[in-house]
Amino acid sequence: MRVVIVTESFPPDVNGVAHCALQTARHLAARGHEPLVIAPAAAGAAHSASGPGAGPTASATSWPGSWSGSGTGAGSASDSGLPYPVVRVPSLPLPGYPQVRVALPSRRVAAALTAHRADIVHLAGPFVLGVRGMAAAARLGIPAVAVYQTDLAGYARTYVGAGEGTAWRRLRAVHSAADRTLAPSTAALRDLEDHNVPRVRLWARGVDAERFRPSLRDEALRRSLAPGGELLVGYVGRLAPEKRVELLAGVCGLPGVRVVVVGDGPSEPSLRAALPGALFLGRRTGDELARIFASLDVFAHTGPYETFCQTVQEAMASGVPVIAPAAGGPLDLVRHGNTGLLVEPRDPAAVRAAVSALAGDAGLRAAYGRAGRAAVETRTWAAVGDQLLGHYADVLRERTAVAA
C-alpha cells in the first residue's frame, strides 16, 4: 500500500502529532508498505525531498530519531537516513511560539501525491498543511483518513479568548471531506460527533513499554533531585499556556515534596516565577527521560485540553501513579482509584489535595503504579499500527464498493 502522510508536525518537532506521524511511518515501512511523509520544514532546513530514491537534494538536517509527545528520543539521524522519503514544505514559525512551524502555500503537496501514486492519504492533525493535503487528495480522487489530535477550540480559548466557533468550522470542513476521521479517545470522539463531524472511529495511541519501565528507577538520580529525601512529583511536556503547569504552584508548598518539571516552551520564564522551589530540567530525551519518569513518585499532568495525553501512558508504563484532570484523553487512560487519581480540571486545590493523598501512602502509590504498568503493557505501537491498517483497508473497501 502506498500511503502519503501529510502532517502538521514532524521531528525535530517535539509533540504528539510529530511522534504519532513518525511511529505511523515507521510501522508502515516495517510492514512492507510504502509511506511518504509531507511536513513543514524545520528551522534552517532545506526545503526538499529526502529518503530512499529522493535524489541528490536530500536534506542534511539532523533530528532525534524516536520522539514522543514528551520529548522521548534515542540516537539521531537525518531525513535522508529514514527508510521512506520525506518532503519538506517551506514554513514559518508561529508568532509568539517559534517552536511551532506553519507550512506556507506550496505545490509540493499535490506533486508529491501524484509522484508517489498514493493509494491513500493520511492527514495527521490537519489544520493548515492538512487542509491542502485534503484538497489535493479530493482533486486526485484519492481516499483520505484524517486523524484528530489537537483540541484547537481549547487552544483558541487559551490564546485568543474566543474563536472556538471558527476553529470548529475549519475542523469540521476538513474532517467532513475525509473518508474517515480517527479520534484518539472517547472524549475526542464525542466532541467530533457533537460538532457534526461524520464517519468518526476510535484509534488510540501506543506506548513504548520497553523504553519506559519501572526497573529504570535510579536512586542516585533521586538523591541528586531530592537530596533531602523529598517526594518527587513530576510534570513532563511542553511549557505552554494551554498546559496549565502553574496549577502545580500549591504542590510546591507541600512539606517534603519537590516538583520536577521536564520540558521547554514559551511559558518557562513565567513558570519559574510561579513554581518556587521547583526544579526545571529542560528538554530530556531517550533513556535519560525514561530514567526520570521511573524515578518519580507521582506524575502530575495539568492540561485540560488533551485529546489523548501520551505522557500519562509513559508514566504508567514506568510504574508511576498518575494525577490528571478528569477531562479529554486522560478519562480513557486513568482509572480513578486504581492507576491514579482524576481531579477537577483547572483546580489547583484539587491537584494539591491529590498529591497530599498519595504523598502520605507509599503502599497506595506502589499499587497504583503496578496497576498502571499492567494496563499499558499491551498497548504497543505495533498493535496500534495494525489497527490503523485495518482502518485503511475499510476505507479502501468502501471506496471500491461505492465505485462499483
Protein backbone atom coordinates (compact mmCIF):
# COMPACT_ATOMS: atom_id res chain seq x y z
CA MET A 1 0.00 0.00 0.00
CA ARG A 2 1.34 3.43 -0.95
CA VAL A 3 0.49 5.91 1.81
CA VAL A 4 1.19 9.65 1.92
CA ILE A 5 1.26 11.05 5.46
CA VAL A 6 0.57 14.79 5.46
CA THR A 7 1.44 16.04 8.92
CA GLU A 8 1.39 19.47 10.55
CA SER A 9 4.49 18.49 12.55
CA PHE A 10 7.35 16.00 12.29
CA PRO A 11 10.67 15.56 14.11
CA PRO A 12 12.69 17.52 15.07
CA ASP A 13 9.43 18.97 16.43
CA VAL A 14 8.57 17.55 19.87
CA ASN A 15 4.83 16.98 20.28
CA GLY A 16 2.17 14.32 19.97
CA VAL A 17 1.41 14.94 16.29
CA ALA A 18 5.08 14.63 15.32
CA HIS A 19 5.60 11.46 17.34
CA CYS A 20 2.45 9.75 16.09
CA ALA A 21 3.31 10.57 12.47
CA LEU A 22 6.81 9.18 12.99
CA GLN A 23 5.50 5.97 14.54
CA THR A 24 2.93 5.58 11.77
CA ALA A 25 5.52 5.92 9.01
CA ARG A 26 7.87 3.56 10.84
CA HIS A 27 5.18 0.90 11.24
CA LEU A 28 4.07 1.13 7.61
CA ALA A 29 7.65 0.64 6.42
CA ALA A 30 8.16 -2.27 8.83
CA ARG A 31 5.04 -3.99 7.49
CA GLY A 32 6.28 -3.70 3.91
CA HIS A 33 4.15 -0.73 2.83
CA GLU A 34 5.49 2.40 1.12
CA PRO A 35 4.93 5.57 3.15
CA LEU A 36 5.91 9.08 2.16
CA VAL A 37 5.82 11.96 4.66
CA ILE A 38 4.98 15.59 3.81
CA ALA A 39 5.77 18.00 6.65
CA PRO A 40 6.74 21.63 7.30
CA ALA A 41 10.45 22.31 7.06
CA ALA A 42 12.20 22.76 10.39
CA ALA A 43 14.07 25.99 11.11
CA GLY A 44 17.09 26.19 8.84
CA ALA A 45 16.22 23.00 6.95
CA ALA A 46 16.49 22.62 3.21
CA HIS A 47 13.06 22.55 1.55
CA SER A 48 13.49 19.31 -0.31
CA ALA A 49 12.56 15.69 -0.52
CA SER A 50 14.77 13.19 1.23
CA GLY A 51 14.95 9.48 1.85
CA PRO A 52 15.49 6.49 -0.43
CA GLY A 53 15.15 7.44 -4.06
CA ALA A 54 14.60 11.10 -3.32
CA GLY A 55 17.55 12.28 -5.33
CA PRO A 56 20.65 14.33 -4.58
CA THR A 57 18.84 17.26 -2.92
CA ALA A 58 18.17 15.36 0.32
CA SER A 59 18.13 17.44 3.46
CA ALA A 60 21.02 17.04 5.85
CA THR A 61 19.10 18.34 8.83
CA SER A 62 19.53 16.07 11.86
CA TRP A 63 16.81 15.24 14.36
CA PRO A 64 16.39 12.83 17.28
CA GLY A 65 15.03 9.69 15.74
CA SER A 66 12.50 8.39 18.25
CA TRP A 67 10.34 11.06 19.82
CA SER A 68 7.18 11.18 21.89
CA GLY A 69 4.91 13.96 22.91
CA SER A 70 7.07 14.35 25.98
CA GLY A 71 10.32 14.58 24.08
CA THR A 72 11.34 10.95 24.06
CA GLY A 73 14.31 10.31 21.76
CA ALA A 74 17.07 7.88 21.02
CA GLY A 75 20.03 8.46 18.75
CA SER A 76 19.93 10.78 15.79
CA ALA A 77 19.60 10.56 12.02
CA SER A 78 18.79 12.86 9.14
CA ASP A 79 15.69 12.71 6.99
CA SER A 80 17.87 11.12 4.34
CA GLY A 81 18.60 8.21 6.68
CA LEU A 82 14.95 7.22 7.03
CA PRO A 83 13.55 4.14 5.26
CA TYR A 84 10.96 6.31 3.48
CA PRO A 85 11.06 9.68 1.68
CA VAL A 86 10.22 12.96 3.41
CA VAL A 87 9.07 16.06 1.52
CA ARG A 88 9.66 19.27 3.47
CA VAL A 89 7.38 22.21 2.68
CA PRO A 90 8.61 25.79 3.33
CA SER A 91 7.36 27.08 6.68
CA LEU A 92 7.47 29.99 9.11
CA PRO A 93 7.49 29.99 12.92
CA LEU A 94 4.19 30.70 14.63
CA PRO A 95 4.37 34.24 16.07
CA GLY A 96 4.96 34.08 19.81
CA TYR A 97 5.62 30.33 19.70
CA PRO A 98 8.64 29.72 17.45
CA GLN A 99 8.79 26.01 18.30
CA VAL A 100 5.66 25.58 16.14
CA ARG A 101 6.15 25.80 12.37
CA VAL A 102 3.32 26.70 9.98
CA ALA A 103 3.57 25.48 6.38
CA LEU A 104 3.43 28.04 3.58
CA PRO A 105 1.39 27.51 0.39
CA SER A 106 3.24 25.09 -1.86
CA ARG A 107 2.66 22.99 -4.94
CA ARG A 108 4.77 20.26 -3.42
CA VAL A 109 1.77 18.57 -1.76
CA ALA A 110 -0.20 17.73 -4.90
CA ALA A 111 3.00 16.95 -6.81
CA ALA A 112 4.14 14.52 -4.12
CA LEU A 113 0.76 12.73 -4.01
CA THR A 114 0.89 12.29 -7.77
CA ALA A 115 4.52 11.21 -7.93
CA HIS A 116 4.09 8.70 -5.11
CA ARG A 117 0.98 7.22 -6.78
CA ALA A 118 -0.75 7.25 -3.41
CA ASP A 119 -3.41 4.66 -2.60
CA ILE A 120 -4.50 6.58 0.49
CA VAL A 121 -3.68 9.87 2.21
CA HIS A 122 -3.20 10.05 5.98
CA LEU A 123 -3.80 13.55 7.40
CA ALA A 124 -2.16 13.94 10.81
CA GLY A 125 -3.78 16.70 12.85
CA PRO A 126 -4.97 18.56 9.72
CA PHE A 127 -5.37 22.31 10.07
CA VAL A 128 -3.06 24.17 7.64
CA LEU A 129 -0.91 21.77 5.62
CA GLY A 130 -3.50 19.04 6.13
CA VAL A 131 -6.21 21.20 4.57
CA ARG A 132 -4.09 21.45 1.43
CA GLY A 133 -3.47 17.72 1.57
CA MET A 134 -7.21 17.05 1.80
CA ALA A 135 -7.91 19.35 -1.15
CA ALA A 136 -5.23 17.69 -3.25
CA ALA A 137 -6.50 14.21 -2.39
CA ALA A 138 -10.05 15.22 -3.33
CA ARG A 139 -8.93 16.63 -6.69
CA LEU A 140 -6.97 13.47 -7.45
CA GLY A 141 -9.73 11.12 -6.26
CA ILE A 142 -7.54 9.57 -3.53
CA PRO A 143 -9.28 8.40 -0.33
CA ALA A 144 -8.19 10.15 2.85
CA VAL A 145 -8.13 9.34 6.56
CA ALA A 146 -7.97 12.35 8.91
CA VAL A 147 -6.53 11.90 12.40
CA TYR A 148 -7.89 14.33 15.01
CA GLN A 149 -5.14 15.09 17.51
CA THR A 150 -5.37 18.68 18.77
CA ASP A 151 -8.15 20.47 20.65
CA LEU A 152 -7.87 23.62 18.56
CA ALA A 153 -11.04 25.08 20.06
CA GLY A 154 -9.46 24.79 23.50
CA TYR A 155 -6.31 26.45 22.20
CA ALA A 156 -8.43 29.28 20.79
CA ARG A 157 -9.92 29.82 24.24
CA THR A 158 -6.45 29.84 25.81
CA TYR A 159 -4.61 32.08 23.37
CA VAL A 160 -7.36 34.31 21.98
CA GLY A 161 -10.18 34.10 24.50
CA ALA A 162 -12.58 33.45 21.61
CA GLY A 163 -12.67 31.87 18.18
CA GLU A 164 -13.86 28.42 19.19
CA GLY A 165 -16.63 28.50 16.60
CA THR A 166 -14.19 29.43 13.86
CA ALA A 167 -11.83 26.63 14.90
CA TRP A 168 -14.65 24.06 14.84
CA ARG A 169 -15.88 25.26 11.44
CA ARG A 170 -12.43 24.72 9.98
CA LEU A 171 -12.04 21.35 11.66
CA ARG A 172 -15.50 20.24 10.55
CA ALA A 173 -14.81 21.26 6.95
CA VAL A 174 -11.61 19.23 6.55
CA HIS A 175 -12.76 16.21 8.58
CA SER A 176 -16.12 16.06 6.81
CA ALA A 177 -14.26 15.82 3.49
CA ALA A 178 -12.28 12.80 4.69
CA ASP A 179 -13.46 9.24 4.16
CA ARG A 180 -12.90 8.55 7.85
CA THR A 181 -11.84 10.54 10.92
CA LEU A 182 -9.92 8.79 13.68
CA ALA A 183 -10.27 10.10 17.24
CA PRO A 184 -7.69 9.16 19.90
CA SER A 185 -10.12 8.93 22.84
CA THR A 186 -13.81 8.55 23.57
CA ALA A 187 -13.96 12.17 24.77
CA ALA A 188 -12.49 13.37 21.47
CA LEU A 189 -14.88 11.13 19.53
CA ARG A 190 -17.87 12.64 21.37
CA ASP A 191 -16.57 16.16 20.72
CA LEU A 192 -16.33 15.47 17.00
CA GLU A 193 -19.76 13.89 16.81
CA ASP A 194 -21.28 16.73 18.86
CA HIS A 195 -19.91 19.14 16.24
CA ASN A 196 -21.42 17.13 13.38
CA VAL A 197 -18.24 15.54 12.07
CA PRO A 198 -19.29 12.35 10.22
CA ARG A 199 -17.69 8.91 9.95
CA VAL A 200 -15.69 9.05 13.19
CA ARG A 201 -13.96 5.97 14.62
CA LEU A 202 -11.75 5.42 17.67
CA TRP A 203 -8.00 4.94 17.21
CA ALA A 204 -5.85 5.28 20.34
CA ARG A 205 -2.05 5.60 20.65
CA GLY A 206 0.69 3.18 21.53
CA VAL A 207 3.44 3.41 24.13
CA ASP A 208 6.98 2.03 24.22
CA ALA A 209 6.76 -0.13 27.32
CA GLU A 210 10.28 -1.43 26.72
CA ARG A 211 11.82 2.02 26.96
CA PHE A 212 9.52 3.22 29.76
CA ARG A 213 9.70 0.66 32.56
CA PRO A 214 9.85 0.61 36.37
CA SER A 215 13.26 -1.09 36.51
CA LEU A 216 14.89 2.17 35.39
CA ARG A 217 14.21 3.78 38.78
CA ASP A 218 17.56 5.36 39.69
CA GLU A 219 18.31 6.03 43.35
CA ALA A 220 21.40 8.10 42.53
CA LEU A 221 19.29 10.31 40.27
CA ARG A 222 16.65 10.62 43.00
CA ARG A 223 19.29 11.74 45.52
CA SER A 224 20.51 14.41 43.10
CA LEU A 225 16.97 15.72 42.54
CA ALA A 226 15.82 15.39 46.16
CA PRO A 227 18.86 15.42 48.46
CA GLY A 228 16.57 15.72 51.47
CA GLY A 229 14.62 12.61 50.53
CA GLU A 230 11.64 14.61 49.28
CA LEU A 231 8.75 13.01 47.40
CA LEU A 232 9.29 13.69 43.68
CA VAL A 233 6.24 14.97 41.80
CA GLY A 234 6.94 15.39 38.09
CA TYR A 235 5.43 17.10 35.07
CA VAL A 236 6.72 16.21 31.60
CA GLY A 237 5.65 18.09 28.50
CA ARG A 238 5.64 21.38 26.68
CA LEU A 239 5.66 24.51 28.77
CA ALA A 240 2.87 26.45 27.11
CA PRO A 241 -0.22 28.29 28.39
CA GLU A 242 -2.68 25.53 27.44
CA LYS A 243 -0.81 23.03 29.63
CA ARG A 244 -1.69 24.99 32.82
CA VAL A 245 1.51 23.90 34.60
CA GLU A 246 1.07 26.80 37.04
CA LEU A 247 -1.57 24.64 38.74
CA LEU A 248 1.35 22.91 40.48
CA ALA A 249 2.12 26.06 42.50
CA GLY A 250 0.26 24.73 45.54
CA VAL A 251 2.14 21.44 45.33
CA CYS A 252 5.42 23.36 45.62
CA GLY A 253 4.31 24.46 49.08
CA LEU A 254 3.70 20.97 50.44
CA PRO A 255 6.25 19.88 53.05
CA GLY A 256 8.56 17.10 51.95
CA VAL A 257 7.63 17.46 48.26
CA ARG A 258 9.87 18.50 45.36
CA VAL A 259 8.31 19.39 41.99
CA VAL A 260 10.33 18.44 38.90
CA VAL A 261 9.45 19.99 35.53
CA VAL A 262 10.77 18.41 32.32
CA GLY A 263 10.27 20.22 29.02
CA ASP A 264 10.62 23.62 27.43
CA GLY A 265 8.43 26.20 25.77
CA PRO A 266 7.35 29.83 25.85
CA SER A 267 5.88 29.65 29.38
CA GLU A 268 9.14 28.64 31.05
CA PRO A 269 10.10 32.12 32.39
CA SER A 270 6.70 32.73 33.99
CA LEU A 271 6.57 29.19 35.39
CA ARG A 272 9.95 29.59 37.07
CA ALA A 273 8.44 32.51 38.96
CA ALA A 274 5.13 30.74 39.64
CA LEU A 275 6.63 27.47 40.97
CA PRO A 276 9.05 28.36 43.80
CA GLY A 277 11.50 25.61 44.60
CA ALA A 278 10.66 23.54 41.52
CA LEU A 279 13.50 22.01 39.52
CA PHE A 280 13.42 22.80 35.79
CA LEU A 281 15.39 20.17 33.88
CA GLY A 282 14.68 21.41 30.35
CA ARG A 283 14.07 19.03 27.49
CA ARG A 284 15.24 15.50 28.21
CA THR A 285 15.12 12.61 25.75
CA GLY A 286 15.53 8.89 25.28
CA ASP A 287 16.82 6.70 28.07
CA GLU A 288 17.58 9.74 30.23
CA LEU A 289 13.92 10.76 30.13
CA ALA A 290 12.85 7.18 30.83
CA ARG A 291 15.04 7.15 33.97
CA ILE A 292 13.47 10.41 35.14
CA PHE A 293 9.96 9.01 34.63
CA ALA A 294 10.75 5.83 36.56
CA SER A 295 12.41 7.80 39.38
CA LEU A 296 9.33 9.91 40.11
CA ASP A 297 6.98 9.11 42.96
CA VAL A 298 3.95 10.78 41.36
CA PHE A 299 3.30 12.07 37.85
CA ALA A 300 1.01 15.10 37.62
CA HIS A 301 -0.46 16.29 34.35
CA THR A 302 -2.35 19.58 34.41
CA GLY A 303 -3.52 20.33 30.84
CA PRO A 304 -7.32 20.25 30.37
CA TYR A 305 -7.26 20.14 26.56
CA GLU A 306 -5.62 16.77 25.86
CA THR A 307 -7.25 14.68 23.15
CA PHE A 308 -5.10 11.75 24.34
CA CYS A 309 -2.08 12.56 26.60
CA GLN A 310 0.91 10.41 25.73
CA THR A 311 2.92 11.37 28.81
CA VAL A 312 0.26 9.79 31.03
CA GLN A 313 0.84 6.48 29.24
CA GLU A 314 4.60 6.83 29.59
CA ALA A 315 4.27 7.46 33.32
CA MET A 316 2.01 4.43 33.68
CA ALA A 317 4.46 2.27 31.73
CA SER A 318 7.15 3.49 34.15
CA GLY A 319 5.11 2.24 37.10
CA VAL A 320 4.33 5.72 38.41
CA PRO A 321 0.89 6.71 39.79
CA VAL A 322 -0.80 9.46 37.79
CA ILE A 323 -2.79 12.56 38.72
CA ALA A 324 -4.61 14.09 35.74
CA PRO A 325 -7.65 16.26 35.01
CA ALA A 326 -10.96 14.47 34.56
CA ALA A 327 -11.27 15.74 31.00
CA GLY A 328 -10.35 14.61 27.50
CA GLY A 329 -7.90 11.80 26.85
CA PRO A 330 -6.95 11.04 30.49
CA LEU A 331 -10.51 9.80 31.09
CA ASP A 332 -9.66 6.76 28.92
CA LEU A 333 -6.22 6.24 30.44
CA VAL A 334 -6.51 6.75 34.20
CA ARG A 335 -8.78 4.50 36.24
CA HIS A 336 -9.60 6.66 39.24
CA GLY A 337 -8.67 4.89 42.45
CA ASN A 338 -6.84 2.14 40.55
CA THR A 339 -4.00 3.57 38.43
CA GLY A 340 -4.16 7.12 39.77
CA LEU A 341 -6.46 9.99 40.59
CA LEU A 342 -8.61 12.15 38.32
CA VAL A 343 -9.21 15.69 39.58
CA GLU A 344 -11.40 18.64 38.69
CA PRO A 345 -9.82 20.41 35.67
CA ARG A 346 -8.19 23.81 36.30
CA ASP A 347 -8.46 23.41 40.07
CA PRO A 348 -5.12 23.93 41.87
CA ALA A 349 -6.62 22.92 45.22
CA ALA A 350 -7.72 19.59 43.75
CA VAL A 351 -4.22 18.92 42.38
CA ARG A 352 -2.66 19.76 45.74
CA ALA A 353 -5.13 17.55 47.62
CA ALA A 354 -4.48 14.61 45.27
CA VAL A 355 -0.71 14.91 45.72
CA SER A 356 -1.20 15.11 49.50
CA ALA A 357 -3.30 11.94 49.44
CA LEU A 358 -0.60 10.00 47.61
CA ALA A 359 2.34 11.57 49.43
CA GLY A 360 1.35 10.00 52.72
CA ASP A 361 0.71 6.48 51.44
CA ALA A 362 3.65 4.66 49.85
CA GLY A 363 1.65 1.44 49.61
CA LEU A 364 -1.10 3.14 47.64
CA ARG A 365 1.44 4.73 45.29
CA ALA A 366 3.02 1.33 44.65
CA ALA A 367 -0.35 -0.31 44.00
CA TYR A 368 -1.38 2.41 41.54
CA GLY A 369 2.00 2.12 39.82
CA ARG A 370 1.70 -1.64 39.37
CA ALA A 371 -1.84 -1.34 38.05
CA GLY A 372 -0.81 1.39 35.62
CA ARG A 373 2.04 -0.69 34.23
CA ALA A 374 -0.25 -3.68 33.74
CA ALA A 375 -2.84 -1.51 31.97
CA VAL A 376 -0.48 -0.30 29.22
CA GLU A 377 1.90 -3.22 28.64
CA THR A 378 -0.07 -4.49 25.62
CA ARG A 379 -0.63 -1.05 24.06
CA THR A 380 2.35 -1.36 21.72
CA TRP A 381 2.84 0.84 18.68
CA ALA A 382 2.86 -2.33 16.56
CA ALA A 383 -0.61 -3.30 17.78
CA VAL A 384 -1.92 0.24 17.30
CA GLY A 385 -0.30 0.43 13.86
CA ASP A 386 -2.05 -2.76 12.78
CA GLN A 387 -5.36 -1.25 13.90
CA LEU A 388 -4.61 1.72 11.64
CA LEU A 389 -4.00 -0.61 8.72
CA GLY A 390 -7.46 -2.05 9.39
CA HIS A 391 -8.96 1.44 9.10
CA TYR A 392 -7.12 1.98 5.81
CA ALA A 393 -8.44 -1.35 4.48
CA ASP A 394 -12.01 -0.40 5.48
CA VAL A 395 -11.77 2.94 3.68
CA LEU A 396 -10.36 1.40 0.51
CA ARG A 397 -13.02 -1.31 0.56
CA GLU A 398 -15.78 1.28 0.98
CA ARG A 399 -14.40 3.36 -1.89
CA THR A 400 -14.32 0.28 -4.10
CA ALA A 401 -17.90 -0.59 -3.18
CA VAL A 402 -19.11 2.93 -4.00
CA ALA A 403 -17.27 2.91 -7.32
CA ALA A 404 -18.79 -0.46 -8.19
